[in-house]
Amino acid sequence: MAKKVLIIEDYPATTEMIANILKTEGIEVITAVDGTSGLEKSKSSQPDLILLDIMMPEMSGFEVCQKLKEDPKTAKIPVIIVSVRAAENNIVKGKELGAQEYISKPFDPFKLIEIVKKYLEK
């Protein structure tokens, strides 16, 4: 059975690029354009991994990460933050909120696959 990854990202071009990278590896992709729909889809689809942007309308990725980790239904799903905000304080905050990894944009597609596979194989 194919592994499922939920991409929570408000910029369509980035979503499409990440989705295409994952699909070449045989990974099923679910997408959400904001934090609210991302939280809903994380519960309804139970993905194996979540790729999460930080800067989004309505609810930041930090808020989404916190809510995911507080909810018993989603707390065990690994979260990887993928953000242009690469300052050390953002990386520390993301990990404190429960993210397993923090990937800075722009990113190396091979590095993304390597990190995603690391968590999907656990």
PDB file of N, CA and C in Angstrom:
ATOM      1  N   MET A   1       0.847  -1.188   0.000  1.00  0.00           N
ATOM      2  CA  MET A   1       0.000   0.000   0.000  1.00  0.00           C
ATOM      3  C   MET A   1       0.887   1.244   0.000  1.00  0.00           C
ATOM      4  N   ALA A   2       0.532   2.196  -0.843  1.00  0.00           N
ATOM      5  CA  ALA A   2       1.320   3.420  -0.959  1.00  0.00           C
ATOM      6  C   ALA A   2       1.227   4.252   0.323  1.00  0.00           C
ATOM      7  N   LYS A   3       2.332   4.856   0.672  1.00  0.00           N
ATOM      8  CA  LYS A   3       2.361   5.762   1.813  1.00  0.00           C
ATOM      9  C   LYS A   3       1.699   7.067   1.392  1.00  0.00           C
ATOM     10  N   LYS A   4       1.047   7.734   2.376  1.00  0.00           N
ATOM     11  CA  LYS A   4       0.343   8.988   2.102  1.00  0.00           C
ATOM     12  C   LYS A   4       1.057  10.149   2.779  1.00  0.00           C
ATOM     13  N   VAL A   5       1.242  11.226   2.014  1.00  0.00           N
ATOM     14  CA  VAL A   5       1.817  12.448   2.559  1.00  0.00           C
ATOM     15  C   VAL A   5       0.836  13.588   2.326  1.00  0.00           C
ATOM     16  N   LEU A   6       0.570  14.328   3.391  1.00  0.00           N
ATOM     17  CA  LEU A   6      -0.274  15.511   3.308  1.00  0.00           C
ATOM     18  C   LEU A   6       0.634  16.728   3.198  1.00  0.00           C
ATOM     19  N   ILE A   7       0.429  17.522   2.141  1.00  0.00           N
ATOM     20  CA  ILE A   7       1.175  18.770   1.958  1.00  0.00           C
ATOM     21  C   ILE A   7       0.248  19.916   2.341  1.00  0.00           C
ATOM     22  N   ILE A   8       0.628  20.674   3.359  1.00  0.00           N
ATOM     23  CA  ILE A   8      -0.147  21.852   3.766  1.00  0.00           C
ATOM     24  C   ILE A   8       0.671  23.066   3.355  1.00  0.00           C
ATOM     25  N   GLU A   9       0.260  23.683   2.250  1.00  0.00           N
ATOM     26  CA  GLU A   9       1.030  24.756   1.607  1.00  0.00           C
ATOM     27  C   GLU A   9       0.065  25.653   0.847  1.00  0.00           C
ATOM     28  N   ASP A  10       0.197  26.974   1.033  1.00  0.00           N
ATOM     29  CA  ASP A  10      -0.742  27.897   0.383  1.00  0.00           C
ATOM     30  C   ASP A  10      -0.307  28.359  -1.004  1.00  0.00           C
ATOM     31  N   TYR A  11       0.903  28.045  -1.421  1.00  0.00           N
ATOM     32  CA  TYR A  11       1.386  28.486  -2.729  1.00  0.00           C
ATOM     33  C   TYR A  11       1.293  27.328  -3.719  1.00  0.00           C
ATOM     34  N   PRO A  12       0.371  27.414  -4.695  1.00  0.00           N
ATOM     35  CA  PRO A  12       0.100  26.282  -5.596  1.00  0.00           C
ATOM     36  C   PRO A  12       1.327  25.742  -6.333  1.00  0.00           C
ATOM     37  N   ALA A  13       2.224  26.604  -6.777  1.00  0.00           N
ATOM     38  CA  ALA A  13       3.402  26.132  -7.524  1.00  0.00           C
ATOM     39  C   ALA A  13       4.296  25.264  -6.638  1.00  0.00           C
ATOM     40  N   THR A  14       4.433  25.654  -5.388  1.00  0.00           N
ATOM     41  CA  THR A  14       5.247  24.861  -4.455  1.00  0.00           C
ATOM     42  C   THR A  14       4.574  23.525  -4.174  1.00  0.00           C
ATOM     43  N   THR A  15       3.267  23.563  -3.958  1.00  0.00           N
ATOM     44  CA  THR A  15       2.514  22.325  -3.722  1.00  0.00           C
ATOM     45  C   THR A  15       2.698  21.366  -4.890  1.00  0.00           C
ATOM     46  N   GLU A  16       2.542  21.882  -6.101  1.00  0.00           N
ATOM     47  CA  GLU A  16       2.653  21.048  -7.301  1.00  0.00           C
ATOM     48  C   GLU A  16       4.059  20.462  -7.440  1.00  0.00           C
ATOM     49  N   MET A  17       5.070  21.282  -7.168  1.00  0.00           N
ATOM     50  CA  MET A  17       6.446  20.815  -7.289  1.00  0.00           C
ATOM     51  C   MET A  17       6.721  19.688  -6.287  1.00  0.00           C
ATOM     52  N   ILE A  18       6.340  19.894  -5.026  1.00  0.00           N
ATOM     53  CA  ILE A  18       6.566  18.867  -4.003  1.00  0.00           C
ATOM     54  C   ILE A  18       5.760  17.604  -4.338  1.00  0.00           C
ATOM     55  N   ALA A  19       4.507  17.787  -4.744  1.00  0.00           N
ATOM     56  CA  ALA A  19       3.651  16.645  -5.100  1.00  0.00           C
ATOM     57  C   ALA A  19       4.275  15.821  -6.222  1.00  0.00           C
ATOM     58  N   ASN A  20       4.796  16.490  -7.243  1.00  0.00           N
ATOM     59  CA  ASN A  20       5.411  15.779  -8.366  1.00  0.00           C
ATOM     60  C   ASN A  20       6.645  15.004  -7.924  1.00  0.00           C
ATOM     61  N   ILE A  21       7.442  15.598  -7.046  1.00  0.00           N
ATOM     62  CA  ILE A  21       8.630  14.907  -6.523  1.00  0.00           C
ATOM     63  C   ILE A  21       8.211  13.644  -5.781  1.00  0.00           C
ATOM     64  N   LEU A  22       7.209  13.769  -4.915  1.00  0.00           N
ATOM     65  CA  LEU A  22       6.761  12.622  -4.116  1.00  0.00           C
ATOM     66  C   LEU A  22       6.120  11.539  -4.988  1.00  0.00           C
ATOM     67  N   LYS A  23       5.332  11.959  -5.968  1.00  0.00           N
ATOM     68  CA  LYS A  23       4.650  10.990  -6.827  1.00  0.00           C
ATOM     69  C   LYS A  23       5.637  10.141  -7.624  1.00  0.00           C
ATOM     70  N   THR A  24       6.804  10.716  -7.995  1.00  0.00           N
ATOM     71  CA  THR A  24       7.803   9.923  -8.719  1.00  0.00           C
ATOM     72  C   THR A  24       8.345   8.795  -7.851  1.00  0.00           C
ATOM     73  N   GLU A  25       8.170   8.917  -6.546  1.00  0.00           N
ATOM     74  CA  GLU A  25       8.613   7.881  -5.606  1.00  0.00           C
ATOM     75  C   GLU A  25       7.468   6.933  -5.227  1.00  0.00           C
ATOM     76  N   GLY A  26       6.318   7.074  -5.888  1.00  0.00           N
ATOM     77  CA  GLY A  26       5.183   6.201  -5.628  1.00  0.00           C
ATOM     78  C   GLY A  26       4.413   6.552  -4.362  1.00  0.00           C
ATOM     79  N   ILE A  27       4.564   7.796  -3.911  1.00  0.00           N
ATOM     80  CA  ILE A  27       3.893   8.246  -2.692  1.00  0.00           C
ATOM     81  C   ILE A  27       2.571   8.907  -3.058  1.00  0.00           C
ATOM     82  N   GLU A  28       1.522   8.549  -2.336  1.00  0.00           N
ATOM     83  CA  GLU A  28       0.213   9.171  -2.540  1.00  0.00           C
ATOM     84  C   GLU A  28       0.246  10.557  -1.893  1.00  0.00           C
ATOM     85  N   VAL A  29      -0.293  11.553  -2.598  1.00  0.00           N
ATOM     86  CA  VAL A  29      -0.242  12.934  -2.114  1.00  0.00           C
ATOM     87  C   VAL A  29      -1.644  13.483  -1.883  1.00  0.00           C
ATOM     88  N   ILE A  30      -1.810  14.106  -0.721  1.00  0.00           N
ATOM     89  CA  ILE A  30      -3.037  14.829  -0.371  1.00  0.00           C
ATOM     90  C   ILE A  30      -2.588  16.262  -0.135  1.00  0.00           C
ATOM     91  N   THR A  31      -3.412  17.234  -0.547  1.00  0.00           N
ATOM     92  CA  THR A  31      -2.995  18.625  -0.366  1.00  0.00           C
ATOM     93  C   THR A  31      -4.055  19.441   0.372  1.00  0.00           C
ATOM     94  N   ALA A  32      -3.562  20.474   1.040  1.00  0.00           N
ATOM     95  CA  ALA A  32      -4.427  21.434   1.721  1.00  0.00           C
ATOM     96  C   ALA A  32      -3.802  22.808   1.525  1.00  0.00           C
ATOM     97  N   VAL A  33      -4.657  23.820   1.294  1.00  0.00           N
ATOM     98  CA  VAL A  33      -4.156  25.161   0.979  1.00  0.00           C
ATOM     99  C   VAL A  33      -4.031  26.076   2.198  1.00  0.00           C
ATOM    100  N   ASP A  34      -4.488  25.608   3.347  1.00  0.00           N
ATOM    101  CA  ASP A  34      -4.355  26.414   4.562  1.00  0.00           C
ATOM    102  C   ASP A  34      -4.390  25.503   5.785  1.00  0.00           C
ATOM    103  N   GLY A  35      -4.120  26.096   6.935  1.00  0.00           N
ATOM    104  CA  GLY A  35      -4.038  25.319   8.161  1.00  0.00           C
ATOM    105  C   GLY A  35      -5.328  24.652   8.564  1.00  0.00           C
ATOM    106  N   THR A  36      -6.440  25.350   8.400  1.00  0.00           N
ATOM    107  CA  THR A  36      -7.737  24.803   8.803  1.00  0.00           C
ATOM    108  C   THR A  36      -8.064  23.542   8.009  1.00  0.00           C
ATOM    109  N   SER A  37      -7.954  23.625   6.686  1.00  0.00           N
ATOM    110  CA  SER A  37      -8.249  22.441   5.871  1.00  0.00           C
ATOM    111  C   SER A  37      -7.181  21.374   6.080  1.00  0.00           C
ATOM    112  N   GLY A  38      -5.956  21.791   6.384  1.00  0.00           N
ATOM    113  CA  GLY A  38      -4.895  20.829   6.665  1.00  0.00           C
ATOM    114  C   GLY A  38      -5.185  20.008   7.909  1.00  0.00           C
ATOM    115  N   LEU A  39      -5.686  20.670   8.937  1.00  0.00           N
ATOM    116  CA  LEU A  39      -6.049  19.956  10.167  1.00  0.00           C
ATOM    117  C   LEU A  39      -7.183  18.973   9.907  1.00  0.00           C
ATOM    118  N   GLU A  40      -8.181  19.419   9.139  1.00  0.00           N
ATOM    119  CA  GLU A  40      -9.312  18.546   8.805  1.00  0.00           C
ATOM    120  C   GLU A  40      -8.842  17.328   8.014  1.00  0.00           C
ATOM    121  N   LYS A  41      -7.998  17.567   6.995  1.00  0.00           N
ATOM    122  CA  LYS A  41      -7.533  16.452   6.156  1.00  0.00           C
ATOM    123  C   LYS A  41      -6.595  15.522   6.917  1.00  0.00           C
ATOM    124  N   SER A  42      -5.866  16.065   7.887  1.00  0.00           N
ATOM    125  CA  SER A  42      -4.976  15.197   8.666  1.00  0.00           C
ATOM    126  C   SER A  42      -5.781  14.187   9.476  1.00  0.00           C
ATOM    127  N   LYS A  43      -6.973  14.598   9.932  1.00  0.00           N
ATOM    128  CA  LYS A  43      -7.828  13.683  10.698  1.00  0.00           C
ATOM    129  C   LYS A  43      -8.575  12.716   9.782  1.00  0.00           C
ATOM    130  N   SER A  44      -9.096  13.235   8.668  1.00  0.00           N
ATOM    131  CA  SER A  44      -9.919  12.394   7.790  1.00  0.00           C
ATOM    132  C   SER A  44      -9.096  11.411   6.964  1.00  0.00           C
ATOM    133  N   SER A  45      -7.892  11.786   6.562  1.00  0.00           N
ATOM    134  CA  SER A  45      -7.112  10.904   5.683  1.00  0.00           C
ATOM    135  C   SER A  45      -5.999  10.152   6.402  1.00  0.00           C
ATOM    136  N   GLN A  46      -5.707  10.533   7.647  1.00  0.00           N
ATOM    137  CA  GLN A  46      -4.638   9.882   8.426  1.00  0.00           C
ATOM    138  C   GLN A  46      -3.382   9.633   7.582  1.00  0.00           C
ATOM    139  N   PRO A  47      -2.711  10.712   7.167  1.00  0.00           N
ATOM    140  CA  PRO A  47      -1.492  10.530   6.357  1.00  0.00           C
ATOM    141  C   PRO A  47      -0.365   9.917   7.192  1.00  0.00           C
ATOM    142  N   ASP A  48       0.634   9.385   6.495  1.00  0.00           N
ATOM    143  CA  ASP A  48       1.801   8.804   7.164  1.00  0.00           C
ATOM    144  C   ASP A  48       2.818   9.882   7.536  1.00  0.00           C
ATOM    145  N   LEU A  49       2.688  11.057   6.896  1.00  0.00           N
ATOM    146  CA  LEU A  49       3.622  12.157   7.099  1.00  0.00           C
ATOM    147  C   LEU A  49       2.961  13.457   6.659  1.00  0.00           C
ATOM    148  N   ILE A  50       3.339  14.564   7.304  1.00  0.00           N
ATOM    149  CA  ILE A  50       2.812  15.878   6.917  1.00  0.00           C
ATOM    150  C   ILE A  50       3.971  16.809   6.600  1.00  0.00           C
ATOM    151  N   LEU A  51       3.909  17.443   5.422  1.00  0.00           N
ATOM    152  CA  LEU A  51       4.845  18.499   5.052  1.00  0.00           C
ATOM    153  C   LEU A  51       4.101  19.807   5.241  1.00  0.00           C
ATOM    154  N   LEU A  52       4.655  20.706   6.045  1.00  0.00           N
ATOM    155  CA  LEU A  52       3.929  21.868   6.518  1.00  0.00           C
ATOM    156  C   LEU A  52       4.686  23.169   6.288  1.00  0.00           C
ATOM    157  N   ASP A  53       4.043  24.111   5.622  1.00  0.00           N
ATOM    158  CA  ASP A  53       4.600  25.458   5.443  1.00  0.00           C
ATOM    159  C   ASP A  53       4.323  26.264   6.706  1.00  0.00           C
ATOM    160  N   ILE A  54       5.091  27.311   6.938  1.00  0.00           N
ATOM    161  CA  ILE A  54       4.886  28.163   8.112  1.00  0.00           C
ATOM    162  C   ILE A  54       3.998  29.366   7.793  1.00  0.00           C
ATOM    163  N   MET A  55       4.332  30.073   6.724  1.00  0.00           N
ATOM    164  CA  MET A  55       3.596  31.304   6.404  1.00  0.00           C
ATOM    165  C   MET A  55       2.374  30.990   5.554  1.00  0.00           C
ATOM    166  N   MET A  56       1.212  31.001   6.213  1.00  0.00           N
ATOM    167  CA  MET A  56      -0.046  30.726   5.522  1.00  0.00           C
ATOM    168  C   MET A  56      -1.114  31.658   6.066  1.00  0.00           C
ATOM    169  N   PRO A  57      -2.175  31.875   5.277  1.00  0.00           N
ATOM    170  CA  PRO A  57      -3.264  32.730   5.770  1.00  0.00           C
ATOM    171  C   PRO A  57      -4.034  32.052   6.909  1.00  0.00           C
ATOM    172  N   GLU A  58      -4.695  32.832   7.706  1.00  0.00           N
ATOM    173  CA  GLU A  58      -5.570  32.378   8.800  1.00  0.00           C
ATOM    174  C   GLU A  58      -4.818  31.791   9.983  1.00  0.00           C
ATOM    175  N   MET A  59      -4.028  30.743   9.751  1.00  0.00           N
ATOM    176  CA  MET A  59      -3.357  30.028  10.832  1.00  0.00           C
ATOM    177  C   MET A  59      -1.934  29.688  10.370  1.00  0.00           C
ATOM    178  N   SER A  60      -0.934  30.062  11.157  1.00  0.00           N
ATOM    179  CA  SER A  60       0.443  29.778  10.766  1.00  0.00           C
ATOM    180  C   SER A  60       0.737  28.281  10.889  1.00  0.00           C
ATOM    181  N   GLY A  61       1.782  27.864  10.227  1.00  0.00           N
ATOM    182  CA  GLY A  61       2.202  26.474  10.326  1.00  0.00           C
ATOM    183  C   GLY A  61       2.584  26.091  11.748  1.00  0.00           C
ATOM    184  N   PHE A  62       3.103  27.061  12.506  1.00  0.00           N
ATOM    185  CA  PHE A  62       3.432  26.783  13.906  1.00  0.00           C
ATOM    186  C   PHE A  62       2.170  26.421  14.686  1.00  0.00           C
ATOM    187  N   GLU A  63       1.095  27.179  14.452  1.00  0.00           N
ATOM    188  CA  GLU A  63      -0.178  26.882  15.127  1.00  0.00           C
ATOM    189  C   GLU A  63      -0.711  25.511  14.706  1.00  0.00           C
ATOM    190  N   VAL A  64      -0.599  25.216  13.414  1.00  0.00           N
ATOM    191  CA  VAL A  64      -1.057  23.927  12.892  1.00  0.00           C
ATOM    192  C   VAL A  64      -0.271  22.793  13.545  1.00  0.00           C
ATOM    193  N   CYS A  65       1.040  22.947  13.609  1.00  0.00           N
ATOM    194  CA  CYS A  65       1.892  21.919  14.202  1.00  0.00           C
ATOM    195  C   CYS A  65       1.501  21.676  15.655  1.00  0.00           C
ATOM    196  N   GLN A  66       1.292  22.734  16.385  1.00  0.00           N
ATOM    197  CA  GLN A  66       0.914  22.613  17.792  1.00  0.00           C
ATOM    198  C   GLN A  66      -0.413  21.856  17.938  1.00  0.00           C
ATOM    199  N   LYS A  67      -1.398  22.220  17.099  1.00  0.00           N
ATOM    200  CA  LYS A  67      -2.707  21.566  17.162  1.00  0.00           C
ATOM    201  C   LYS A  67      -2.605  20.083  16.768  1.00  0.00           C
ATOM    202  N   LEU A  68      -1.771  19.788  15.771  1.00  0.00           N
ATOM    203  CA  LEU A  68      -1.579  18.392  15.358  1.00  0.00           C
ATOM    204  C   LEU A  68      -1.013  17.562  16.509  1.00  0.00           C
ATOM    205  N   LYS A  69      -0.051  18.117  17.209  1.00  0.00           N
ATOM    206  CA  LYS A  69       0.624  17.374  18.277  1.00  0.00           C
ATOM    207  C   LYS A  69      -0.228  17.285  19.547  1.00  0.00           C
ATOM    208  N   GLU A  70      -1.189  18.192  19.708  1.00  0.00           N
ATOM    209  CA  GLU A  70      -2.077  18.156  20.878  1.00  0.00           C
ATOM    210  C   GLU A  70      -3.241  17.186  20.701  1.00  0.00           C
ATOM    211  N   ASP A  71      -3.553  16.840  19.450  1.00  0.00           N
ATOM    212  CA  ASP A  71      -4.698  15.974  19.162  1.00  0.00           C
ATOM    213  C   ASP A  71      -4.245  14.513  19.120  1.00  0.00           C
ATOM    214  N   PRO A  72      -4.824  13.656  19.971  1.00  0.00           N
ATOM    215  CA  PRO A  72      -4.422  12.241  19.978  1.00  0.00           C
ATOM    216  C   PRO A  72      -4.560  11.547  18.618  1.00  0.00           C
ATOM    217  N   LYS A  73      -5.492  12.024  17.770  1.00  0.00           N
ATOM    218  CA  LYS A  73      -5.698  11.409  16.449  1.00  0.00           C
ATOM    219  C   LYS A  73      -4.544  11.705  15.490  1.00  0.00           C
ATOM    220  N   THR A  74      -3.826  12.811  15.716  1.00  0.00           N
ATOM    221  CA  THR A  74      -2.770  13.207  14.781  1.00  0.00           C
ATOM    222  C   THR A  74      -1.395  13.349  15.436  1.00  0.00           C
ATOM    223  N   ALA A  75      -1.318  13.189  16.729  1.00  0.00           N
ATOM    224  CA  ALA A  75      -0.079  13.454  17.474  1.00  0.00           C
ATOM    225  C   ALA A  75       1.110  12.610  17.011  1.00  0.00           C
ATOM    226  N   LYS A  76       0.841  11.394  16.548  1.00  0.00           N
ATOM    227  CA  LYS A  76       1.938  10.498  16.173  1.00  0.00           C
ATOM    228  C   LYS A  76       2.387  10.662  14.712  1.00  0.00           C
ATOM    229  N   ILE A  77       1.679  11.481  13.944  1.00  0.00           N
ATOM    230  CA  ILE A  77       2.056  11.688  12.541  1.00  0.00           C
ATOM    231  C   ILE A  77       3.293  12.597  12.492  1.00  0.00           C
ATOM    232  N   PRO A  78       4.384  12.120  11.859  1.00  0.00           N
ATOM    233  CA  PRO A  78       5.568  12.971  11.768  1.00  0.00           C
ATOM    234  C   PRO A  78       5.275  14.232  10.949  1.00  0.00           C
ATOM    235  N   VAL A  79       5.800  15.366  11.416  1.00  0.00           N
ATOM    236  CA  VAL A  79       5.632  16.649  10.730  1.00  0.00           C
ATOM    237  C   VAL A  79       7.005  17.158  10.307  1.00  0.00           C
ATOM    238  N   ILE A  80       7.111  17.511   9.032  1.00  0.00           N
ATOM    239  CA  ILE A  80       8.325  18.137   8.519  1.00  0.00           C
ATOM    240  C   ILE A  80       7.932  19.523   8.031  1.00  0.00           C
ATOM    241  N   ILE A  81       8.552  20.527   8.617  1.00  0.00           N
ATOM    242  CA  ILE A  81       8.279  21.898   8.188  1.00  0.00           C
ATOM    243  C   ILE A  81       9.135  22.196   6.964  1.00  0.00           C
ATOM    244  N   VAL A  82       8.497  22.783   5.947  1.00  0.00           N
ATOM    245  CA  VAL A  82       9.189  23.196   4.723  1.00  0.00           C
ATOM    246  C   VAL A  82       8.866  24.674   4.555  1.00  0.00           C
ATOM    247  N   SER A  83       9.862  25.525   4.849  1.00  0.00           N
ATOM    248  CA  SER A  83       9.577  26.954   4.889  1.00  0.00           C
ATOM    249  C   SER A  83      10.749  27.798   4.407  1.00  0.00           C
ATOM    250  N   VAL A  84      10.407  28.963   3.898  1.00  0.00           N
ATOM    251  CA  VAL A  84      11.411  29.943   3.503  1.00  0.00           C
ATOM    252  C   VAL A  84      11.999  30.622   4.753  1.00  0.00           C
ATOM    253  N   ARG A  85      11.287  30.540   5.853  1.00  0.00           N
ATOM    254  CA  ARG A  85      11.763  31.119   7.115  1.00  0.00           C
ATOM    255  C   ARG A  85      12.808  30.198   7.730  1.00  0.00           C
ATOM    256  N   ALA A  86      14.067  30.467   7.413  1.00  0.00           N
ATOM    257  CA  ALA A  86      15.143  29.563   7.813  1.00  0.00           C
ATOM    258  C   ALA A  86      15.954  30.062   9.008  1.00  0.00           C
ATOM    259  N   ALA A  87      15.508  31.112   9.666  1.00  0.00           N
ATOM    260  CA  ALA A  87      16.232  31.629  10.830  1.00  0.00           C
ATOM    261  C   ALA A  87      16.243  30.587  11.942  1.00  0.00           C
ATOM    262  N   GLU A  88      17.324  30.564  12.693  1.00  0.00           N
ATOM    263  CA  GLU A  88      17.502  29.569  13.759  1.00  0.00           C
ATOM    264  C   GLU A  88      16.332  29.552  14.740  1.00  0.00           C
ATOM    265  N   ASN A  89      15.818  30.749  15.092  1.00  0.00           N
ATOM    266  CA  ASN A  89      14.710  30.788  16.054  1.00  0.00           C
ATOM    267  C   ASN A  89      13.462  30.098  15.512  1.00  0.00           C
ATOM    268  N   ASN A  90      13.227  30.167  14.198  1.00  0.00           N
ATOM    269  CA  ASN A  90      12.087  29.472  13.597  1.00  0.00           C
ATOM    270  C   ASN A  90      12.292  27.954  13.622  1.00  0.00           C
ATOM    271  N   ILE A  91      13.511  27.528  13.356  1.00  0.00           N
ATOM    272  CA  ILE A  91      13.827  26.101  13.370  1.00  0.00           C
ATOM    273  C   ILE A  91      13.639  25.547  14.782  1.00  0.00           C
ATOM    274  N   VAL A  92      14.156  26.270  15.763  1.00  0.00           N
ATOM    275  CA  VAL A  92      14.020  25.849  17.165  1.00  0.00           C
ATOM    276  C   VAL A  92      12.544  25.794  17.552  1.00  0.00           C
ATOM    277  N   LYS A  93      11.788  26.831  17.195  1.00  0.00           N
ATOM    278  CA  LYS A  93      10.361  26.872  17.531  1.00  0.00           C
ATOM    279  C   LYS A  93       9.614  25.694  16.908  1.00  0.00           C
ATOM    280  N   GLY A  94       9.886  25.421  15.641  1.00  0.00           N
ATOM    281  CA  GLY A  94       9.235  24.303  14.956  1.00  0.00           C
ATOM    282  C   GLY A  94       9.488  22.982  15.658  1.00  0.00           C
ATOM    283  N   LYS A  95      10.734  22.757  16.048  1.00  0.00           N
ATOM    284  CA  LYS A  95      11.077  21.496  16.722  1.00  0.00           C
ATOM    285  C   LYS A  95      10.492  21.441  18.131  1.00  0.00           C
ATOM    286  N   GLU A  96      10.450  22.586  18.806  1.00  0.00           N
ATOM    287  CA  GLU A  96       9.832  22.627  20.136  1.00  0.00           C
ATOM    288  C   GLU A  96       8.346  22.287  20.071  1.00  0.00           C
ATOM    289  N   LEU A  97       7.694  22.651  18.956  1.00  0.00           N
ATOM    290  CA  LEU A  97       6.271  22.373  18.777  1.00  0.00           C
ATOM    291  C   LEU A  97       6.009  20.943  18.298  1.00  0.00           C
ATOM    292  N   GLY A  98       7.073  20.209  18.023  1.00  0.00           N
ATOM    293  CA  GLY A  98       6.900  18.800  17.676  1.00  0.00           C
ATOM    294  C   GLY A  98       7.288  18.386  16.274  1.00  0.00           C
ATOM    295  N   ALA A  99       7.766  19.322  15.448  1.00  0.00           N
ATOM    296  CA  ALA A  99       8.204  18.945  14.098  1.00  0.00           C
ATOM    297  C   ALA A  99       9.472  18.098  14.191  1.00  0.00           C
ATOM    298  N   GLN A 100       9.538  17.069  13.361  1.00  0.00           N
ATOM    299  CA  GLN A 100      10.717  16.196  13.370  1.00  0.00           C
ATOM    300  C   GLN A 100      11.890  16.830  12.629  1.00  0.00           C
ATOM    301  N   GLU A 101      11.572  17.545  11.551  1.00  0.00           N
ATOM    302  CA  GLU A 101      12.612  18.138  10.702  1.00  0.00           C
ATOM    303  C   GLU A 101      12.159  19.521  10.246  1.00  0.00           C
ATOM    304  N   TYR A 102      13.135  20.297   9.762  1.00  0.00           N
ATOM    305  CA  TYR A 102      12.860  21.644   9.251  1.00  0.00           C
ATOM    306  C   TYR A 102      13.684  21.791   7.987  1.00  0.00           C
ATOM    307  N   ILE A 103      13.013  21.860   6.853  1.00  0.00           N
ATOM    308  CA  ILE A 103      13.682  21.996   5.563  1.00  0.00           C
ATOM    309  C   ILE A 103      13.483  23.429   5.072  1.00  0.00           C
ATOM    310  N   SER A 104      14.581  24.088   4.710  1.00  0.00           N
ATOM    311  CA  SER A 104      14.506  25.466   4.223  1.00  0.00           C
ATOM    312  C   SER A 104      14.267  25.493   2.721  1.00  0.00           C
ATOM    313  N   LYS A 105      13.398  26.425   2.299  1.00  0.00           N
ATOM    314  CA  LYS A 105      13.191  26.674   0.869  1.00  0.00           C
ATOM    315  C   LYS A 105      14.207  27.729   0.430  1.00  0.00           C
ATOM    316  N   PRO A 106      14.718  27.659  -0.772  1.00  0.00           N
ATOM    317  CA  PRO A 106      14.567  26.554  -1.723  1.00  0.00           C
ATOM    318  C   PRO A 106      15.322  25.326  -1.208  1.00  0.00           C
ATOM    319  N   PHE A 107      14.837  24.150  -1.585  1.00  0.00           N
ATOM    320  CA  PHE A 107      15.426  22.916  -1.078  1.00  0.00           C
ATOM    321  C   PHE A 107      15.897  22.042  -2.229  1.00  0.00           C
ATOM    322  N   ASP A 108      16.761  21.116  -1.911  1.00  0.00           N
ATOM    323  CA  ASP A 108      17.246  20.128  -2.859  1.00  0.00           C
ATOM    324  C   ASP A 108      16.212  19.001  -2.909  1.00  0.00           C
ATOM    325  N   PRO A 109      15.628  18.716  -4.078  1.00  0.00           N
ATOM    326  CA  PRO A 109      14.606  17.662  -4.177  1.00  0.00           C
ATOM    327  C   PRO A 109      15.092  16.307  -3.663  1.00  0.00           C
ATOM    328  N   PHE A 110      16.372  16.000  -3.871  1.00  0.00           N
ATOM    329  CA  PHE A 110      16.917  14.718  -3.402  1.00  0.00           C
ATOM    330  C   PHE A 110      16.972  14.678  -1.879  1.00  0.00           C
ATOM    331  N   LYS A 111      17.280  15.811  -1.268  1.00  0.00           N
ATOM    332  CA  LYS A 111      17.319  15.893   0.196  1.00  0.00           C
ATOM    333  C   LYS A 111      15.901  15.739   0.755  1.00  0.00           C
ATOM    334  N   LEU A 112      14.919  16.360   0.079  1.00  0.00           N
ATOM    335  CA  LEU A 112      13.526  16.232   0.501  1.00  0.00           C
ATOM    336  C   LEU A 112      13.108  14.761   0.497  1.00  0.00           C
ATOM    337  N   ILE A 113      13.386  14.067  -0.607  1.00  0.00           N
ATOM    338  CA  ILE A 113      13.030  12.650  -0.722  1.00  0.00           C
ATOM    339  C   ILE A 113      13.725  11.833   0.357  1.00  0.00           C
ATOM    340  N   GLU A 114      14.992  12.115   0.586  1.00  0.00           N
ATOM    341  CA  GLU A 114      15.758  11.386   1.600  1.00  0.00           C
ATOM    342  C   GLU A 114      15.104  11.524   2.978  1.00  0.00           C
ATOM    343  N   ILE A 115      14.732  12.745   3.333  1.00  0.00           N
ATOM    344  CA  ILE A 115      14.125  12.997   4.650  1.00  0.00           C
ATOM    345  C   ILE A 115      12.726  12.378   4.725  1.00  0.00           C
ATOM    346  N   VAL A 116      11.928  12.548   3.682  1.00  0.00           N
ATOM    347  CA  VAL A 116      10.579  11.982   3.659  1.00  0.00           C
ATOM    348  C   VAL A 116      10.645  10.459   3.814  1.00  0.00           C
ATOM    349  N   LYS A 117      11.521   9.815   3.055  1.00  0.00           N
ATOM    350  CA  LYS A 117      11.640   8.353   3.118  1.00  0.00           C
ATOM    351  C   LYS A 117      12.082   7.893   4.499  1.00  0.00           C
ATOM    352  N   LYS A 118      12.952   8.662   5.128  1.00  0.00           N
ATOM    353  CA  LYS A 118      13.437   8.317   6.461  1.00  0.00           C
ATOM    354  C   LYS A 118      12.260   8.146   7.434  1.00  0.00           C
ATOM    355  N   TYR A 119      11.277   9.036   7.325  1.00  0.00           N
ATOM    356  CA  TYR A 119      10.131   8.968   8.237  1.00  0.00           C
ATOM    357  C   TYR A 119       9.046   8.000   7.765  1.00  0.00           C
ATOM    358  N   LEU A 120       8.934   7.801   6.470  1.00  0.00           N
ATOM    359  CA  LEU A 120       7.940   6.855   5.957  1.00  0.00           C
ATOM    360  C   LEU A 120       8.353   5.414   6.208  1.00  0.00           C
ATOM    361  N   GLU A 121       9.651   5.184   6.341  1.00  0.00           N
ATOM    362  CA  GLU A 121      10.150   3.819   6.543  1.00  0.00           C
ATOM    363  C   GLU A 121      10.124   3.412   8.016  1.00  0.00           C
ATOM    364  N   LYS A 122       9.841   4.338   8.911  1.00  0.00           N
ATOM    365  CA  LYS A 122       9.809   4.018  10.352  1.00  0.00           C
ATOM    366  C   LYS A 122       8.569   3.238  10.701  1.00  0.00           C
TER     367      LYS A 122
END
